Amino acid sequence: MSEPTLESIDDYNTFSVEKKKVFFAIVISSLILGVIYTLATSFYPPEEPISIDKTYKKVPMR
């Protein structure tokens, strides 16, 4: 038994032109959104957390 080739698979190259355009648009828009997200995170770094003084003073006893 030999391995199947792409041409022998039934659904190979059955996407219509419209489906190919939609797939291409989804891939391109995902890449563009990824670039925008990367640029936004590089230009606007996260804020530093506010440091809270957690040293406790001695509690006065009566």
N, C-alpha and C. Protein backbone atom coordinates (compact mmCIF):
# COMPACT_ATOMS: atom_id res chain seq x y z
N MET A 1 0.85 -1.18 0.00
CA MET A 1 0.00 0.00 0.00
C MET A 1 0.90 1.24 0.00
N SER A 2 0.71 2.10 -0.96
CA SER A 2 1.53 3.30 -1.07
C SER A 2 0.84 4.47 -0.38
N GLU A 3 1.63 5.47 -0.05
CA GLU A 3 1.07 6.66 0.58
C GLU A 3 0.28 7.46 -0.44
N PRO A 4 -0.82 8.10 -0.01
CA PRO A 4 -1.62 8.87 -0.96
C PRO A 4 -0.90 10.16 -1.36
N THR A 5 -1.11 10.55 -2.57
CA THR A 5 -0.58 11.83 -3.05
C THR A 5 -1.69 12.87 -2.95
N LEU A 6 -1.31 14.12 -3.04
CA LEU A 6 -2.31 15.18 -2.95
C LEU A 6 -3.35 15.07 -4.05
N GLU A 7 -2.93 14.69 -5.21
CA GLU A 7 -3.86 14.61 -6.34
C GLU A 7 -4.88 13.48 -6.15
N SER A 8 -4.51 12.44 -5.39
CA SER A 8 -5.43 11.32 -5.21
C SER A 8 -6.43 11.56 -4.07
N ILE A 9 -6.20 12.56 -3.26
CA ILE A 9 -7.14 12.87 -2.19
C ILE A 9 -8.34 13.60 -2.80
N ASP A 10 -9.54 13.18 -2.39
CA ASP A 10 -10.77 13.69 -3.01
C ASP A 10 -10.98 15.19 -2.85
N ASP A 11 -10.68 15.74 -1.68
CA ASP A 11 -11.00 17.15 -1.45
C ASP A 11 -9.82 18.08 -1.72
N TYR A 12 -8.78 17.60 -2.38
CA TYR A 12 -7.63 18.46 -2.70
C TYR A 12 -8.04 19.48 -3.75
N ASN A 13 -7.71 20.73 -3.48
CA ASN A 13 -7.95 21.83 -4.42
C ASN A 13 -9.43 21.98 -4.77
N THR A 14 -10.30 21.82 -3.78
CA THR A 14 -11.74 22.00 -4.05
C THR A 14 -12.27 23.31 -3.50
N PHE A 15 -11.41 24.11 -2.88
CA PHE A 15 -11.88 25.41 -2.40
C PHE A 15 -12.24 26.28 -3.59
N SER A 16 -13.35 26.96 -3.49
CA SER A 16 -13.73 27.88 -4.54
C SER A 16 -12.88 29.14 -4.40
N VAL A 17 -12.93 29.97 -5.40
CA VAL A 17 -12.16 31.22 -5.39
C VAL A 17 -12.62 32.10 -4.23
N GLU A 18 -13.91 32.10 -3.96
CA GLU A 18 -14.45 32.92 -2.87
C GLU A 18 -13.94 32.43 -1.52
N LYS A 19 -13.90 31.12 -1.30
CA LYS A 19 -13.40 30.58 -0.03
C LYS A 19 -11.92 30.87 0.13
N LYS A 20 -11.18 30.82 -0.97
CA LYS A 20 -9.75 31.13 -0.91
C LYS A 20 -9.54 32.59 -0.53
N LYS A 21 -10.37 33.48 -1.05
CA LYS A 21 -10.27 34.90 -0.71
C LYS A 21 -10.59 35.14 0.76
N VAL A 22 -11.62 34.46 1.27
CA VAL A 22 -11.98 34.61 2.68
C VAL A 22 -10.85 34.09 3.56
N PHE A 23 -10.31 32.93 3.23
CA PHE A 23 -9.20 32.37 3.99
C PHE A 23 -7.99 33.31 3.96
N PHE A 24 -7.67 33.85 2.82
CA PHE A 24 -6.56 34.79 2.68
C PHE A 24 -6.81 36.05 3.51
N ALA A 25 -8.05 36.55 3.50
CA ALA A 25 -8.38 37.74 4.28
C ALA A 25 -8.26 37.48 5.78
N ILE A 26 -8.66 36.31 6.22
CA ILE A 26 -8.54 35.97 7.65
C ILE A 26 -7.09 35.88 8.06
N VAL A 27 -6.26 35.27 7.25
CA VAL A 27 -4.84 35.13 7.57
C VAL A 27 -4.17 36.50 7.61
N ILE A 28 -4.42 37.33 6.61
CA ILE A 28 -3.81 38.66 6.55
C ILE A 28 -4.29 39.53 7.71
N SER A 29 -5.59 39.50 8.02
CA SER A 29 -6.09 40.32 9.12
C SER A 29 -5.53 39.85 10.46
N SER A 30 -5.34 38.55 10.63
CA SER A 30 -4.74 38.05 11.86
C SER A 30 -3.29 38.51 11.99
N LEU A 31 -2.56 38.49 10.91
CA LEU A 31 -1.18 38.97 10.93
C LEU A 31 -1.12 40.47 11.25
N ILE A 32 -2.01 41.24 10.66
CA ILE A 32 -2.03 42.69 10.91
C ILE A 32 -2.38 42.97 12.37
N LEU A 33 -3.36 42.26 12.91
CA LEU A 33 -3.71 42.45 14.32
C LEU A 33 -2.55 42.05 15.24
N GLY A 34 -1.81 41.02 14.88
CA GLY A 34 -0.65 40.62 15.66
C GLY A 34 0.43 41.69 15.66
N VAL A 35 0.64 42.31 14.50
CA VAL A 35 1.64 43.38 14.41
C VAL A 35 1.19 44.59 15.23
N ILE A 36 -0.08 44.94 15.15
CA ILE A 36 -0.60 46.08 15.92
C ILE A 36 -0.45 45.80 17.41
N TYR A 37 -0.78 44.60 17.85
CA TYR A 37 -0.66 44.24 19.26
C TYR A 37 0.80 44.31 19.71
N THR A 38 1.71 43.81 18.88
CA THR A 38 3.13 43.83 19.23
C THR A 38 3.64 45.27 19.33
N LEU A 39 3.26 46.11 18.39
CA LEU A 39 3.68 47.51 18.44
C LEU A 39 3.09 48.22 19.66
N ALA A 40 1.84 47.95 19.96
CA ALA A 40 1.20 48.60 21.11
C ALA A 40 1.88 48.20 22.42
N THR A 41 2.23 46.93 22.55
CA THR A 41 2.88 46.51 23.79
C THR A 41 4.31 47.02 23.88
N SER A 42 4.95 47.30 22.76
CA SER A 42 6.31 47.82 22.83
C SER A 42 6.31 49.33 23.09
N PHE A 43 5.31 50.06 22.60
CA PHE A 43 5.24 51.50 22.83
C PHE A 43 4.66 51.84 24.20
N TYR A 44 3.77 51.01 24.71
CA TYR A 44 3.12 51.26 25.99
C TYR A 44 3.44 50.11 26.94
N PRO A 45 4.60 50.17 27.59
CA PRO A 45 4.95 49.08 28.51
C PRO A 45 4.01 49.07 29.71
N PRO A 46 3.85 47.92 30.34
CA PRO A 46 2.94 47.87 31.48
C PRO A 46 3.45 48.74 32.62
N GLU A 47 2.50 49.28 33.37
CA GLU A 47 2.87 50.15 34.48
C GLU A 47 3.53 49.33 35.58
N GLU A 48 4.44 49.98 36.27
CA GLU A 48 5.10 49.32 37.39
C GLU A 48 4.10 49.21 38.54
N PRO A 49 4.09 48.09 39.22
CA PRO A 49 3.16 47.96 40.35
C PRO A 49 3.54 48.93 41.47
N ILE A 50 2.54 49.43 42.14
CA ILE A 50 2.77 50.35 43.25
C ILE A 50 3.37 49.55 44.40
N SER A 51 4.50 50.01 44.89
CA SER A 51 5.11 49.27 46.00
C SER A 51 4.41 49.67 47.29
N ILE A 52 4.08 48.69 48.04
CA ILE A 52 3.39 48.90 49.31
C ILE A 52 4.36 48.52 50.42
N ASP A 53 4.50 49.41 51.38
CA ASP A 53 5.39 49.15 52.50
C ASP A 53 4.73 48.12 53.40
N LYS A 54 5.31 46.94 53.47
CA LYS A 54 4.72 45.87 54.26
C LYS A 54 5.48 45.61 55.55
N THR A 55 6.21 46.60 56.01
CA THR A 55 6.88 46.43 57.29
C THR A 55 5.90 46.79 58.39
N TYR A 56 5.84 45.96 59.38
CA TYR A 56 4.90 46.18 60.46
C TYR A 56 5.64 46.71 61.68
N LYS A 57 5.03 47.67 62.30
CA LYS A 57 5.61 48.25 63.50
C LYS A 57 5.12 47.45 64.71
N LYS A 58 5.81 47.61 65.79
CA LYS A 58 5.44 46.89 66.99
C LYS A 58 4.10 47.40 67.50
N VAL A 59 3.23 46.48 67.83
CA VAL A 59 1.90 46.83 68.31
C VAL A 59 2.02 47.23 69.78
N PRO A 60 1.51 48.40 70.16
CA PRO A 60 1.61 48.81 71.58
C PRO A 60 0.73 47.92 72.47
N MET A 61 1.28 47.55 73.58
CA MET A 61 0.53 46.71 74.54
C MET A 61 0.03 47.61 75.68
N ARG A 62 -1.07 47.32 76.27
CA ARG A 62 -1.63 48.10 77.37
C ARG A 62 -0.99 47.75 78.66
